[in-house]
């Protein structure tokens, strides 16, 4: 979900998000329409080559001109499906709940259409979305598992960082023992703060992970 207009400073974060997802829900405020940051998001989304669903939000506001936004989208080569194009536009309201069921349905249909599947039985791979050093827990990395299942005790390589997963926390900060495909989690156990956007891989052992990490560090 990419909320626009959104602050211009989050451009890099939006680009990273577009590159790790299977589909993008572009949330456009109906009272603002397509703003410069929306254009930037459209560019990231198209470069990522994934399906885009438009959620035209704030439709509960008076005097909202949804046709104006559709026109703006068409000008950016995003012809809405109701105008004969390929982009689904769902009218929503976070305030009243309007269109949210339809949005969920559209997401499910898009996933079925593209036959998105992931094997939970293999070793985990995925991407680090952001990371920081926590005073009590050490290095904490926000990761999204793309394939396989990440488990406590796994030896992980992430960019030039490595380590044995000591703890996994879900998005509500509850401790869990494993995380399957499409699950965003926080993990503890890496030796240093990895770079946001780096991909992670489960390795055979921590020694192998350390060797690759050190090689990357010297090459970098």
C-alpha atoms as a PDB file:
ATOM      1  CA  UNK A   1       0.000   0.000   0.000  1.00  0.00           C
ATOM      2  CA  UNK A   2       1.541   3.290  -1.084  1.00  0.00           C
ATOM      3  CA  UNK A   3      -0.243   6.304   0.360  1.00  0.00           C
ATOM      4  CA  UNK A   4       0.041   9.459  -1.733  1.00  0.00           C
ATOM      5  CA  UNK A   5       0.744  12.313  -1.916  1.00  0.00           C
ATOM      6  CA  UNK A   6       3.030  11.330   1.027  1.00  0.00           C
ATOM      7  CA  UNK A   7       6.171  13.212   1.964  1.00  0.00           C
ATOM      8  CA  UNK A   8       8.800  13.682  -0.746  1.00  0.00           C
ATOM      9  CA  UNK A   9      11.535  12.561   1.694  1.00  0.00           C
ATOM     10  CA  UNK A  10      10.166   9.006   1.636  1.00  0.00           C
ATOM     11  CA  UNK A  11      11.013   8.500  -2.055  1.00  0.00           C
ATOM     12  CA  UNK A  12      13.750   5.931  -1.441  1.00  0.00           C
ATOM     13  CA  UNK A  13      11.517   3.996   0.946  1.00  0.00           C
ATOM     14  CA  UNK A  14       8.730   3.893  -1.653  1.00  0.00           C
ATOM     15  CA  UNK A  15      11.178   2.616  -4.277  1.00  0.00           C
ATOM     16  CA  UNK A  16      12.349  -0.199  -1.952  1.00  0.00           C
ATOM     17  CA  UNK A  17       8.764  -1.143  -1.185  1.00  0.00           C
ATOM     18  CA  UNK A  18       7.857  -1.344  -4.873  1.00  0.00           C
ATOM     19  CA  UNK A  19      10.758  -3.721  -5.475  1.00  0.00           C
ATOM     20  CA  UNK A  20       9.818  -6.319  -2.845  1.00  0.00           C
ATOM     21  CA  UNK A  21       6.095  -6.657  -3.442  1.00  0.00           C
ATOM     22  CA  UNK A  22       3.907  -8.758  -5.755  1.00  0.00           C
ATOM     23  CA  UNK A  23       1.330  -6.030  -6.300  1.00  0.00           C
ATOM     24  CA  UNK A  24       0.882  -2.386  -5.398  1.00  0.00           C
ATOM     25  CA  UNK A  25      -2.213  -0.658  -4.069  1.00  0.00           C
ATOM     26  CA  UNK A  26      -1.723   2.992  -4.964  1.00  0.00           C
ATOM     27  CA  UNK A  27      -3.802   5.045  -2.520  1.00  0.00           C
ATOM     28  CA  UNK A  28      -4.711   8.428  -3.993  1.00  0.00           C
ATOM     29  CA  UNK A  29      -6.549  11.053  -1.961  1.00  0.00           C
ATOM     30  CA  UNK A  30      -9.550  12.015  -4.091  1.00  0.00           C
ATOM     31  CA  UNK A  31      -9.417  15.639  -2.920  1.00  0.00           C
ATOM     32  CA  UNK A  32      -5.741  15.964  -3.971  1.00  0.00           C
ATOM     33  CA  UNK A  33      -5.684  13.854  -7.126  1.00  0.00           C
ATOM     34  CA  UNK A  34      -2.374  12.990  -8.791  1.00  0.00           C
ATOM     35  CA  UNK A  35       0.380  15.003  -7.089  1.00  0.00           C
ATOM     36  CA  UNK A  36       4.160  15.006  -7.816  1.00  0.00           C
ATOM     37  CA  UNK A  37       4.763  12.221  -5.239  1.00  0.00           C
ATOM     38  CA  UNK A  38       1.959  10.195  -6.833  1.00  0.00           C
ATOM     39  CA  UNK A  39       3.748  10.517 -10.175  1.00  0.00           C
ATOM     40  CA  UNK A  40       6.953   9.317  -8.495  1.00  0.00           C
ATOM     41  CA  UNK A  41       5.090   6.306  -7.039  1.00  0.00           C
ATOM     42  CA  UNK A  42       3.589   5.465 -10.444  1.00  0.00           C
ATOM     43  CA  UNK A  43       7.122   5.509 -11.857  1.00  0.00           C
ATOM     44  CA  UNK A  44       8.453   3.177  -9.091  1.00  0.00           C
ATOM     45  CA  UNK A  45       5.491   0.844  -9.501  1.00  0.00           C
ATOM     46  CA  UNK A  46       5.889   0.600 -13.273  1.00  0.00           C
ATOM     47  CA  UNK A  47       9.631   0.006 -12.962  1.00  0.00           C
ATOM     48  CA  UNK A  48       8.941  -2.834 -10.521  1.00  0.00           C
ATOM     49  CA  UNK A  49       6.763  -4.460 -13.185  1.00  0.00           C
ATOM     50  CA  UNK A  50       4.026  -5.546 -10.770  1.00  0.00           C
ATOM     51  CA  UNK A  51       0.225  -5.106 -11.040  1.00  0.00           C
ATOM     52  CA  UNK A  52      -1.139  -1.800  -9.733  1.00  0.00           C
ATOM     53  CA  UNK A  53      -4.569  -1.346  -8.150  1.00  0.00           C
ATOM     54  CA  UNK A  54      -5.695   2.236  -7.485  1.00  0.00           C
ATOM     55  CA  UNK A  55      -7.608   2.951  -4.275  1.00  0.00           C
ATOM     56  CA  UNK A  56      -9.239   6.358  -4.709  1.00  0.00           C
ATOM     57  CA  UNK A  57      -9.654   7.300  -1.062  1.00  0.00           C
ATOM     58  CA  UNK A  58     -11.600  10.037   0.794  1.00  0.00           C
ATOM     59  CA  UNK A  59     -14.612   9.558  -1.490  1.00  0.00           C
ATOM     60  CA  UNK A  60     -16.822  10.525   1.489  1.00  0.00           C
ATOM     61  CA  UNK A  61     -15.697  14.170   1.225  1.00  0.00           C
ATOM     62  CA  UNK A  62     -18.151  16.593  -0.396  1.00  0.00           C
ATOM     63  CA  UNK A  63     -17.453  17.998  -3.878  1.00  0.00           C
ATOM     64  CA  UNK A  64     -14.852  15.329  -4.731  1.00  0.00           C
ATOM     65  CA  UNK A  65     -14.345  15.056  -8.493  1.00  0.00           C
ATOM     66  CA  UNK A  66     -13.314  11.451  -9.138  1.00  0.00           C
ATOM     67  CA  UNK A  67     -13.423  11.939 -12.914  1.00  0.00           C
ATOM     68  CA  UNK A  68     -10.653  14.534 -12.650  1.00  0.00           C
ATOM     69  CA  UNK A  69      -8.364  11.955 -10.971  1.00  0.00           C
ATOM     70  CA  UNK A  70      -9.227   9.335 -13.612  1.00  0.00           C
ATOM     71  CA  UNK A  71      -8.289  11.886 -16.274  1.00  0.00           C
ATOM     72  CA  UNK A  72      -4.960  12.561 -14.512  1.00  0.00           C
ATOM     73  CA  UNK A  73      -4.236   8.827 -14.313  1.00  0.00           C
ATOM     74  CA  UNK A  74      -4.962   8.456 -18.026  1.00  0.00           C
ATOM     75  CA  UNK A  75      -2.476  11.261 -18.732  1.00  0.00           C
ATOM     76  CA  UNK A  76       0.166   9.155 -16.921  1.00  0.00           C
ATOM     77  CA  UNK A  77      -0.539   6.097 -19.108  1.00  0.00           C
ATOM     78  CA  UNK A  78      -2.702   4.490 -16.426  1.00  0.00           C
ATOM     79  CA  UNK A  79      -6.019   4.142 -18.231  1.00  0.00           C
ATOM     80  CA  UNK A  80      -8.705   3.028 -15.722  1.00  0.00           C
ATOM     81  CA  UNK A  81     -10.514  -0.251 -16.527  1.00  0.00           C
ATOM     82  CA  UNK A  82     -13.862   1.594 -16.583  1.00  0.00           C
ATOM     83  CA  UNK A  83     -12.466   3.607 -19.491  1.00  0.00           C
ATOM     84  CA  UNK A  84     -11.293   0.444 -21.272  1.00  0.00           C
ATOM     85  CA  UNK A  85      -7.813   0.306 -19.694  1.00  0.00           C
ATOM     86  CA  UNK A  86      -6.069  -2.275 -17.530  1.00  0.00           C
ATOM     87  CA  UNK A  87      -5.961  -0.444 -14.171  1.00  0.00           C
ATOM     88  CA  UNK A  88      -8.653  -1.213 -11.593  1.00  0.00           C
ATOM     89  CA  UNK A  89      -9.797   1.873  -9.663  1.00  0.00           C
ATOM     90  CA  UNK A  90     -11.682   1.175  -6.418  1.00  0.00           C
ATOM     91  CA  UNK A  91     -13.418   4.108  -4.717  1.00  0.00           C
ATOM     92  CA  UNK A  92     -12.836   3.931  -0.965  1.00  0.00           C
ATOM     93  CA  UNK A  93     -13.205   5.833   2.268  1.00  0.00           C
ATOM     94  CA  UNK A  94     -11.115   5.113   5.349  1.00  0.00           C
ATOM     95  CA  UNK A  95     -13.657   7.162   7.296  1.00  0.00           C
ATOM     96  CA  UNK A  96     -16.841   5.270   6.348  1.00  0.00           C
ATOM     97  CA  UNK A  97     -15.420   1.935   5.134  1.00  0.00           C
ATOM     98  CA  UNK A  98     -16.822   2.485   1.641  1.00  0.00           C
ATOM     99  CA  UNK A  99     -15.303   0.164  -0.984  1.00  0.00           C
ATOM    100  CA  UNK A 100     -12.940  -1.704   1.380  1.00  0.00           C
ATOM    101  CA  UNK A 101     -14.611  -5.090   0.736  1.00  0.00           C
ATOM    102  CA  UNK A 102     -14.378  -4.435  -2.991  1.00  0.00           C
ATOM    103  CA  UNK A 103     -10.687  -3.535  -2.592  1.00  0.00           C
ATOM    104  CA  UNK A 104      -9.957  -6.823  -0.771  1.00  0.00           C
ATOM    105  CA  UNK A 105     -11.840  -8.695  -3.489  1.00  0.00           C
ATOM    106  CA  UNK A 106      -9.856  -6.933  -6.233  1.00  0.00           C
ATOM    107  CA  UNK A 107      -6.566  -7.816  -4.472  1.00  0.00           C
ATOM    108  CA  UNK A 108      -7.617 -11.480  -4.197  1.00  0.00           C
ATOM    109  CA  UNK A 109      -8.697 -11.638  -7.841  1.00  0.00           C
ATOM    110  CA  UNK A 110      -5.414 -10.059  -8.974  1.00  0.00           C
ATOM    111  CA  UNK A 111      -3.438 -12.591  -6.905  1.00  0.00           C
ATOM    112  CA  UNK A 112      -5.422 -15.484  -8.412  1.00  0.00           C
ATOM    113  CA  UNK A 113      -5.044 -14.098 -11.914  1.00  0.00           C
ATOM    114  CA  UNK A 114      -1.262 -13.912 -11.553  1.00  0.00           C
ATOM    115  CA  UNK A 115      -1.140 -17.264  -9.726  1.00  0.00           C
ATOM    116  CA  UNK A 116       1.066 -15.990  -6.895  1.00  0.00           C
ATOM    117  CA  UNK A 117       2.570 -18.948  -5.040  1.00  0.00           C
ATOM    118  CA  UNK A 118       5.464 -19.395  -2.636  1.00  0.00           C
ATOM    119  CA  UNK A 119       7.044 -22.552  -1.251  1.00  0.00           C
ATOM    120  CA  UNK A 120       7.024 -22.452   2.573  1.00  0.00           C
ATOM    121  CA  UNK A 121       9.103 -25.645   2.845  1.00  0.00           C
ATOM    122  CA  UNK A 122      12.390 -24.228   1.512  1.00  0.00           C
ATOM    123  CA  UNK A 123      15.073 -22.140   3.270  1.00  0.00           C
ATOM    124  CA  UNK A 124      13.945 -18.524   3.623  1.00  0.00           C
ATOM    125  CA  UNK A 125      14.948 -15.668   1.345  1.00  0.00           C
ATOM    126  CA  UNK A 126      13.641 -12.127   1.458  1.00  0.00           C
ATOM    127  CA  UNK A 127      14.573  -8.485   1.915  1.00  0.00           C
ATOM    128  CA  UNK A 128      15.497  -6.128   4.739  1.00  0.00           C
ATOM    129  CA  UNK A 129      13.145  -3.130   4.702  1.00  0.00           C
ATOM    130  CA  UNK A 130      14.916  -1.163   7.413  1.00  0.00           C
ATOM    131  CA  UNK A 131      17.138  -1.803  10.416  1.00  0.00           C
ATOM    132  CA  UNK A 132      18.346  -0.106  13.576  1.00  0.00           C
ATOM    133  CA  UNK A 133      20.194  -0.764  16.816  1.00  0.00           C
ATOM    134  CA  UNK A 134      17.922  -1.261  19.827  1.00  0.00           C
ATOM    135  CA  UNK A 135      19.388  -0.513  23.266  1.00  0.00           C
ATOM    136  CA  UNK A 136      18.048  -3.694  24.850  1.00  0.00           C
ATOM    137  CA  UNK A 137      17.841  -6.120  21.930  1.00  0.00           C
ATOM    138  CA  UNK A 138      20.855  -5.171  19.811  1.00  0.00           C
ATOM    139  CA  UNK A 139      20.547  -5.053  16.025  1.00  0.00           C
ATOM    140  CA  UNK A 140      16.921  -5.283  14.915  1.00  0.00           C
ATOM    141  CA  UNK A 141      16.061  -5.725  11.234  1.00  0.00           C
ATOM    142  CA  UNK A 142      12.599  -5.396   9.678  1.00  0.00           C
ATOM    143  CA  UNK A 143      12.453  -8.160   7.096  1.00  0.00           C
ATOM    144  CA  UNK A 144       9.874  -9.470   4.663  1.00  0.00           C
ATOM    145  CA  UNK A 145      10.029 -13.203   3.920  1.00  0.00           C
ATOM    146  CA  UNK A 146       9.456 -13.751   0.184  1.00  0.00           C
ATOM    147  CA  UNK A 147       9.999 -17.508  -0.081  1.00  0.00           C
ATOM    148  CA  UNK A 148      10.434 -20.290   2.461  1.00  0.00           C
ATOM    149  CA  UNK A 149      10.040 -20.104   6.235  1.00  0.00           C
ATOM    150  CA  UNK A 150      12.407 -18.150   8.492  1.00  0.00           C
ATOM    151  CA  UNK A 151      12.957 -19.794  11.888  1.00  0.00           C
ATOM    152  CA  UNK A 152      14.641 -18.924  15.171  1.00  0.00           C
ATOM    153  CA  UNK A 153      18.117 -20.479  15.034  1.00  0.00           C
ATOM    154  CA  UNK A 154      18.564 -19.990  11.270  1.00  0.00           C
ATOM    155  CA  UNK A 155      21.954 -18.684  10.135  1.00  0.00           C
ATOM    156  CA  UNK A 156      21.362 -15.658   7.925  1.00  0.00           C
ATOM    157  CA  UNK A 157      23.385 -13.543   5.508  1.00  0.00           C
ATOM    158  CA  UNK A 158      21.986 -10.076   4.779  1.00  0.00           C
ATOM    159  CA  UNK A 159      24.213  -7.840   2.646  1.00  0.00           C
ATOM    160  CA  UNK A 160      27.424  -7.484   4.649  1.00  0.00           C
ATOM    161  CA  UNK A 161      25.705  -8.513   7.910  1.00  0.00           C
ATOM    162  CA  UNK A 162      25.314 -12.025   9.240  1.00  0.00           C
ATOM    163  CA  UNK A 163      24.235 -13.881  12.347  1.00  0.00           C
ATOM    164  CA  UNK A 164      22.076 -16.556  13.934  1.00  0.00           C
ATOM    165  CA  UNK A 165      18.436 -15.518  14.374  1.00  0.00           C
ATOM    166  CA  UNK A 166      17.972 -15.123  18.121  1.00  0.00           C
ATOM    167  CA  UNK A 167      14.385 -13.898  18.142  1.00  0.00           C
ATOM    168  CA  UNK A 168      11.578 -13.103  15.680  1.00  0.00           C
ATOM    169  CA  UNK A 169       8.822 -10.581  16.414  1.00  0.00           C
ATOM    170  CA  UNK A 170       5.622 -10.071  14.420  1.00  0.00           C
ATOM    171  CA  UNK A 171       4.184  -6.677  13.432  1.00  0.00           C
ATOM    172  CA  UNK A 172       2.583  -6.355  16.883  1.00  0.00           C
ATOM    173  CA  UNK A 173       5.906  -7.056  18.624  1.00  0.00           C
ATOM    174  CA  UNK A 174       4.814 -10.535  19.771  1.00  0.00           C
ATOM    175  CA  UNK A 175       7.610 -13.094  19.816  1.00  0.00           C
ATOM    176  CA  UNK A 176       7.112 -15.911  17.273  1.00  0.00           C
ATOM    177  CA  UNK A 177       9.237 -18.946  16.382  1.00  0.00           C
ATOM    178  CA  UNK A 178       8.918 -18.758  12.578  1.00  0.00           C
ATOM    179  CA  UNK A 179       7.633 -16.644   9.689  1.00  0.00           C
ATOM    180  CA  UNK A 180       6.348 -17.920   6.339  1.00  0.00           C
ATOM    181  CA  UNK A 181       6.094 -16.274   2.903  1.00  0.00           C
ATOM    182  CA  UNK A 182       4.748 -12.693   2.740  1.00  0.00           C
ATOM    183  CA  UNK A 183       5.249 -12.194   6.480  1.00  0.00           C
ATOM    184  CA  UNK A 184       6.881  -8.959   7.699  1.00  0.00           C
ATOM    185  CA  UNK A 185       8.870  -9.515  10.910  1.00  0.00           C
ATOM    186  CA  UNK A 186      11.533  -7.962  13.089  1.00  0.00           C
ATOM    187  CA  UNK A 187      14.532 -10.188  13.756  1.00  0.00           C
ATOM    188  CA  UNK A 188      17.332 -10.005  16.310  1.00  0.00           C
ATOM    189  CA  UNK A 189      20.718 -11.689  16.020  1.00  0.00           C
ATOM    190  CA  UNK A 190      22.634  -9.985  13.195  1.00  0.00           C
ATOM    191  CA  UNK A 191      26.157  -8.770  13.979  1.00  0.00           C
ATOM    192  CA  UNK A 192      25.600  -5.285  12.559  1.00  0.00           C
ATOM    193  CA  UNK A 193      22.856  -3.081  11.124  1.00  0.00           C
ATOM    194  CA  UNK A 194      22.239  -4.221   7.520  1.00  0.00           C
ATOM    195  CA  UNK A 195      21.558  -1.803   4.679  1.00  0.00           C
ATOM    196  CA  UNK A 196      17.884  -1.172   3.956  1.00  0.00           C
ATOM    197  CA  UNK A 197      16.982  -2.937   0.733  1.00  0.00           C
ATOM    198  CA  UNK A 198      19.581  -5.721   1.143  1.00  0.00           C
ATOM    199  CA  UNK A 199      18.355  -9.256   0.453  1.00  0.00           C
ATOM    200  CA  UNK A 200      18.756 -11.976   3.060  1.00  0.00           C
ATOM    201  CA  UNK A 201      19.414 -15.694   2.640  1.00  0.00           C
ATOM    202  CA  UNK A 202      19.460 -18.584   5.096  1.00  0.00           C
ATOM    203  CA  UNK A 203      22.901 -20.231   4.912  1.00  0.00           C
ATOM    204  CA  UNK A 204      24.153 -23.726   5.886  1.00  0.00           C
ATOM    205  CA  UNK A 205      25.955 -22.416   8.956  1.00  0.00           C
ATOM    206  CA  UNK A 206      26.984 -19.150  10.564  1.00  0.00           C
ATOM    207  CA  UNK A 207      30.626 -19.643   9.522  1.00  0.00           C
ATOM    208  CA  UNK A 208      29.673 -19.714   5.826  1.00  0.00           C
ATOM    209  CA  UNK A 209      27.490 -16.613   6.338  1.00  0.00           C
ATOM    210  CA  UNK A 210      30.386 -14.797   8.049  1.00  0.00           C
ATOM    211  CA  UNK A 211      32.834 -15.637   5.236  1.00  0.00           C
ATOM    212  CA  UNK A 212      30.505 -14.340   2.510  1.00  0.00           C
ATOM    213  CA  UNK A 213      29.700 -11.204   4.540  1.00  0.00           C
ATOM    214  CA  UNK A 214      33.415 -10.442   5.047  1.00  0.00           C
ATOM    215  CA  UNK A 215      34.166 -11.034   1.352  1.00  0.00           C
ATOM    216  CA  UNK A 216      31.381  -8.608   0.408  1.00  0.00           C
ATOM    217  CA  UNK A 217      32.701  -6.071   2.909  1.00  0.00           C
ATOM    218  CA  UNK A 218      36.210  -6.150   1.394  1.00  0.00           C
ATOM    219  CA  UNK A 219      34.875  -6.040  -2.164  1.00  0.00           C
ATOM    220  CA  UNK A 220      32.602  -3.100  -1.292  1.00  0.00           C
END
